[in-house]
Amino acid sequence: MNRQTAEQKAIKILKQVVDALAEKRYEDIPKLVELEEHIQEPMEEFVAEVYRMWGWEEIPPIDPWTEERVTIPTNPCYQQLNFFHFDNGSGFAVDYELARGGELSDMTLQMEFLYEGEGLRPVFLDLHVL
């Protein structure tokens, strides 16, 4: 599978995960992706703990996925969605900066997509402030 095809497949999964976070359908996330071993279910508790750790008392509203990316006028090189392909060809990592009200929230969704045959194994790594 070439990089472009792999990234397009990953985007389809990312969209579902971001929308599940935005709609607070946390129970759907483990059905969509594998969870990194440090993440314990229920997923809602993990998300709430991440936000508390970074100073928010409640889980703030998150914008759903949109093809129109949030931009930073003072940084034309900024990208809300970033792919990092592994040198060994085993897959790639993705950082997607979550938005609230059309503005960045400082919270980043991190995932890995590992090649398995002709498919990808999506792994939810973390939510954190970059």
C-alpha atoms as a PDB file:
ATOM      1  CA  MET A   1       0.000   0.000   0.000  1.00  0.00           C
ATOM      2  CA  ASN A   2       1.475   3.377  -0.924  1.00  0.00           C
ATOM      3  CA  ARG A   3       1.646   6.334   1.490  1.00  0.00           C
ATOM      4  CA  GLN A   4      -1.206   8.276  -0.085  1.00  0.00           C
ATOM      5  CA  THR A   5      -3.592   5.314   0.069  1.00  0.00           C
ATOM      6  CA  ALA A   6      -2.553   4.529   3.645  1.00  0.00           C
ATOM      7  CA  GLU A   7      -3.066   8.146   4.728  1.00  0.00           C
ATOM      8  CA  GLN A   8      -6.512   8.254   3.101  1.00  0.00           C
ATOM      9  CA  LYS A   9      -7.518   5.056   4.931  1.00  0.00           C
ATOM     10  CA  ALA A  10      -6.176   6.512   8.174  1.00  0.00           C
ATOM     11  CA  ILE A  11      -8.158   9.728   7.660  1.00  0.00           C
ATOM     12  CA  LYS A  12     -11.394   7.717   7.428  1.00  0.00           C
ATOM     13  CA  ILE A  13     -10.665   6.178  10.834  1.00  0.00           C
ATOM     14  CA  LEU A  14      -9.431   9.453  12.345  1.00  0.00           C
ATOM     15  CA  LYS A  15     -12.662  11.146  11.276  1.00  0.00           C
ATOM     16  CA  GLN A  16     -14.687   8.536  13.144  1.00  0.00           C
ATOM     17  CA  VAL A  17     -12.559   8.851  16.281  1.00  0.00           C
ATOM     18  CA  VAL A  18     -12.631  12.670  16.267  1.00  0.00           C
ATOM     19  CA  ASP A  19     -16.395  12.659  15.716  1.00  0.00           C
ATOM     20  CA  ALA A  20     -16.844  10.148  18.566  1.00  0.00           C
ATOM     21  CA  LEU A  21     -14.831  12.468  20.850  1.00  0.00           C
ATOM     22  CA  ALA A  22     -16.841  15.501  19.677  1.00  0.00           C
ATOM     23  CA  GLU A  23     -20.166  13.739  20.211  1.00  0.00           C
ATOM     24  CA  LYS A  24     -18.994  12.196  23.507  1.00  0.00           C
ATOM     25  CA  ARG A  25     -19.587   8.691  22.160  1.00  0.00           C
ATOM     26  CA  TYR A  26     -16.554   7.389  24.043  1.00  0.00           C
ATOM     27  CA  GLU A  27     -17.836   3.814  24.086  1.00  0.00           C
ATOM     28  CA  ASP A  28     -17.509   3.745  20.261  1.00  0.00           C
ATOM     29  CA  ILE A  29     -13.769   4.463  20.239  1.00  0.00           C
ATOM     30  CA  PRO A  30     -12.576   0.993  21.362  1.00  0.00           C
ATOM     31  CA  LYS A  31     -14.816  -0.474  18.633  1.00  0.00           C
ATOM     32  CA  LEU A  32     -12.974   1.613  16.020  1.00  0.00           C
ATOM     33  CA  VAL A  33      -9.371   1.305  17.177  1.00  0.00           C
ATOM     34  CA  GLU A  34      -7.094  -0.659  19.455  1.00  0.00           C
ATOM     35  CA  LEU A  35      -6.241   1.175  22.675  1.00  0.00           C
ATOM     36  CA  GLU A  36      -2.619   1.582  23.783  1.00  0.00           C
ATOM     37  CA  GLU A  37      -2.073  -0.627  26.828  1.00  0.00           C
ATOM     38  CA  HIS A  38      -1.843   2.313  29.284  1.00  0.00           C
ATOM     39  CA  ILE A  39      -5.398   3.388  28.391  1.00  0.00           C
ATOM     40  CA  GLN A  40      -7.985   1.700  30.557  1.00  0.00           C
ATOM     41  CA  GLU A  41     -11.656   1.601  29.730  1.00  0.00           C
ATOM     42  CA  PRO A  42     -14.144   3.095  30.161  1.00  0.00           C
ATOM     43  CA  MET A  43     -12.810   5.581  27.655  1.00  0.00           C
ATOM     44  CA  GLU A  44     -14.837   8.460  29.119  1.00  0.00           C
ATOM     45  CA  GLU A  45     -12.871   8.178  32.375  1.00  0.00           C
ATOM     46  CA  PHE A  46      -9.572   8.273  30.476  1.00  0.00           C
ATOM     47  CA  VAL A  47     -10.633  11.391  28.516  1.00  0.00           C
ATOM     48  CA  ALA A  48     -11.904  13.148  31.649  1.00  0.00           C
ATOM     49  CA  GLU A  49      -8.664  12.363  33.505  1.00  0.00           C
ATOM     50  CA  VAL A  50      -6.558  13.748  30.646  1.00  0.00           C
ATOM     51  CA  TYR A  51      -8.486  17.009  30.685  1.00  0.00           C
ATOM     52  CA  ARG A  52      -8.306  17.261  34.497  1.00  0.00           C
ATOM     53  CA  MET A  53      -4.561  16.689  34.333  1.00  0.00           C
ATOM     54  CA  TRP A  54      -4.237  19.701  32.016  1.00  0.00           C
ATOM     55  CA  GLY A  55      -6.408  21.971  34.177  1.00  0.00           C
ATOM     56  CA  TRP A  56      -9.924  21.602  32.789  1.00  0.00           C
ATOM     57  CA  GLU A  57     -12.562  20.549  35.313  1.00  0.00           C
ATOM     58  CA  GLU A  58     -14.965  19.291  32.645  1.00  0.00           C
ATOM     59  CA  ILE A  59     -14.483  17.818  29.206  1.00  0.00           C
ATOM     60  CA  PRO A  60     -14.878  20.821  26.905  1.00  0.00           C
ATOM     61  CA  PRO A  61     -16.841  20.605  23.658  1.00  0.00           C
ATOM     62  CA  ILE A  62     -14.648  19.416  20.801  1.00  0.00           C
ATOM     63  CA  ASP A  63     -15.321  20.280  17.166  1.00  0.00           C
ATOM     64  CA  PRO A  64     -16.221  17.381  14.883  1.00  0.00           C
ATOM     65  CA  TRP A  65     -13.956  16.456  11.985  1.00  0.00           C
ATOM     66  CA  THR A  66     -13.918  18.903   9.126  1.00  0.00           C
ATOM     67  CA  GLU A  67     -11.983  18.911   5.879  1.00  0.00           C
ATOM     68  CA  GLU A  68     -11.418  22.623   6.419  1.00  0.00           C
ATOM     69  CA  ARG A  69      -8.439  22.720   8.737  1.00  0.00           C
ATOM     70  CA  VAL A  70      -7.884  25.300  11.445  1.00  0.00           C
ATOM     71  CA  THR A  71      -5.015  27.577  10.488  1.00  0.00           C
ATOM     72  CA  ILE A  72      -2.721  29.897  12.397  1.00  0.00           C
ATOM     73  CA  PRO A  73      -2.297  33.185  10.491  1.00  0.00           C
ATOM     74  CA  THR A  74       1.048  33.881  12.172  1.00  0.00           C
ATOM     75  CA  ASN A  75       2.455  30.451  11.246  1.00  0.00           C
ATOM     76  CA  PRO A  76       1.862  29.483   7.607  1.00  0.00           C
ATOM     77  CA  CYS A  77       3.800  26.206   8.117  1.00  0.00           C
ATOM     78  CA  TYR A  78       1.369  24.988  10.798  1.00  0.00           C
ATOM     79  CA  GLN A  79      -0.729  21.920  10.027  1.00  0.00           C
ATOM     80  CA  GLN A  80      -3.561  20.593  12.193  1.00  0.00           C
ATOM     81  CA  LEU A  81      -3.062  17.068  10.814  1.00  0.00           C
ATOM     82  CA  ASN A  82       0.450  15.598  10.638  1.00  0.00           C
ATOM     83  CA  PHE A  83       1.688  12.210   9.439  1.00  0.00           C
ATOM     84  CA  PHE A  84       5.036  10.772  10.601  1.00  0.00           C
ATOM     85  CA  HIS A  85       6.039   7.701   8.577  1.00  0.00           C
ATOM     86  CA  PHE A  86       8.347   5.259  10.340  1.00  0.00           C
ATOM     87  CA  ASP A  87      11.764   4.761   8.726  1.00  0.00           C
ATOM     88  CA  ASN A  88      11.410   0.973   8.974  1.00  0.00           C
ATOM     89  CA  GLY A  89       8.222   1.005   6.849  1.00  0.00           C
ATOM     90  CA  SER A  90       6.036  -0.588   9.547  1.00  0.00           C
ATOM     91  CA  GLY A  91       3.474   2.227   9.547  1.00  0.00           C
ATOM     92  CA  PHE A  92       3.106   5.805  10.685  1.00  0.00           C
ATOM     93  CA  ALA A  93       2.016   8.008  13.558  1.00  0.00           C
ATOM     94  CA  VAL A  94      -0.546  10.793  13.339  1.00  0.00           C
ATOM     95  CA  ASP A  95      -1.028  13.950  15.382  1.00  0.00           C
ATOM     96  CA  TYR A  96      -4.386  15.692  15.038  1.00  0.00           C
ATOM     97  CA  GLU A  97      -4.825  18.888  17.025  1.00  0.00           C
ATOM     98  CA  LEU A  98      -8.396  19.047  18.296  1.00  0.00           C
ATOM     99  CA  ALA A  99     -10.361  22.270  17.901  1.00  0.00           C
ATOM    100  CA  ARG A 100     -13.096  23.929  19.940  1.00  0.00           C
ATOM    101  CA  GLY A 101     -15.298  26.611  18.409  1.00  0.00           C
ATOM    102  CA  GLY A 102     -13.112  26.707  15.299  1.00  0.00           C
ATOM    103  CA  GLU A 103      -9.954  27.393  17.313  1.00  0.00           C
ATOM    104  CA  LEU A 104      -7.223  25.067  18.483  1.00  0.00           C
ATOM    105  CA  SER A 105      -7.641  23.646  21.971  1.00  0.00           C
ATOM    106  CA  ASP A 106      -4.005  22.666  22.695  1.00  0.00           C
ATOM    107  CA  MET A 107      -5.230  19.052  22.979  1.00  0.00           C
ATOM    108  CA  THR A 108      -3.743  16.600  20.469  1.00  0.00           C
ATOM    109  CA  LEU A 109      -5.033  13.180  19.492  1.00  0.00           C
ATOM    110  CA  GLN A 110      -2.146  10.812  18.795  1.00  0.00           C
ATOM    111  CA  MET A 111      -2.581   7.555  16.920  1.00  0.00           C
ATOM    112  CA  GLU A 112      -0.479   4.976  15.114  1.00  0.00           C
ATOM    113  CA  PHE A 113      -1.395   3.075  11.996  1.00  0.00           C
ATOM    114  CA  LEU A 114       0.577  -0.122  11.538  1.00  0.00           C
ATOM    115  CA  TYR A 115       0.685  -2.010   8.242  1.00  0.00           C
ATOM    116  CA  GLU A 116      -0.831  -5.482   8.442  1.00  0.00           C
ATOM    117  CA  GLY A 117      -1.007  -7.222   5.095  1.00  0.00           C
ATOM    118  CA  GLU A 118      -3.048  -4.945   2.838  1.00  0.00           C
ATOM    119  CA  GLY A 119      -4.667  -3.208   5.798  1.00  0.00           C
ATOM    120  CA  LEU A 120      -3.902  -0.914   8.695  1.00  0.00           C
ATOM    121  CA  ARG A 121      -4.142  -1.589  12.412  1.00  0.00           C
ATOM    122  CA  PRO A 122      -5.204   1.683  14.080  1.00  0.00           C
ATOM    123  CA  VAL A 123      -3.956   2.255  17.637  1.00  0.00           C
ATOM    124  CA  PHE A 124      -5.191   5.078  19.885  1.00  0.00           C
ATOM    125  CA  LEU A 125      -2.031   6.238  21.661  1.00  0.00           C
ATOM    126  CA  ASP A 126      -2.957   9.296  23.686  1.00  0.00           C
ATOM    127  CA  LEU A 127      -4.642  12.626  24.160  1.00  0.00           C
ATOM    128  CA  HIS A 128      -2.339  15.323  25.477  1.00  0.00           C
ATOM    129  CA  VAL A 129      -1.186  18.903  25.215  1.00  0.00           C
ATOM    130  CA  LEU A 130       1.720  19.341  22.807  1.00  0.00           C
END
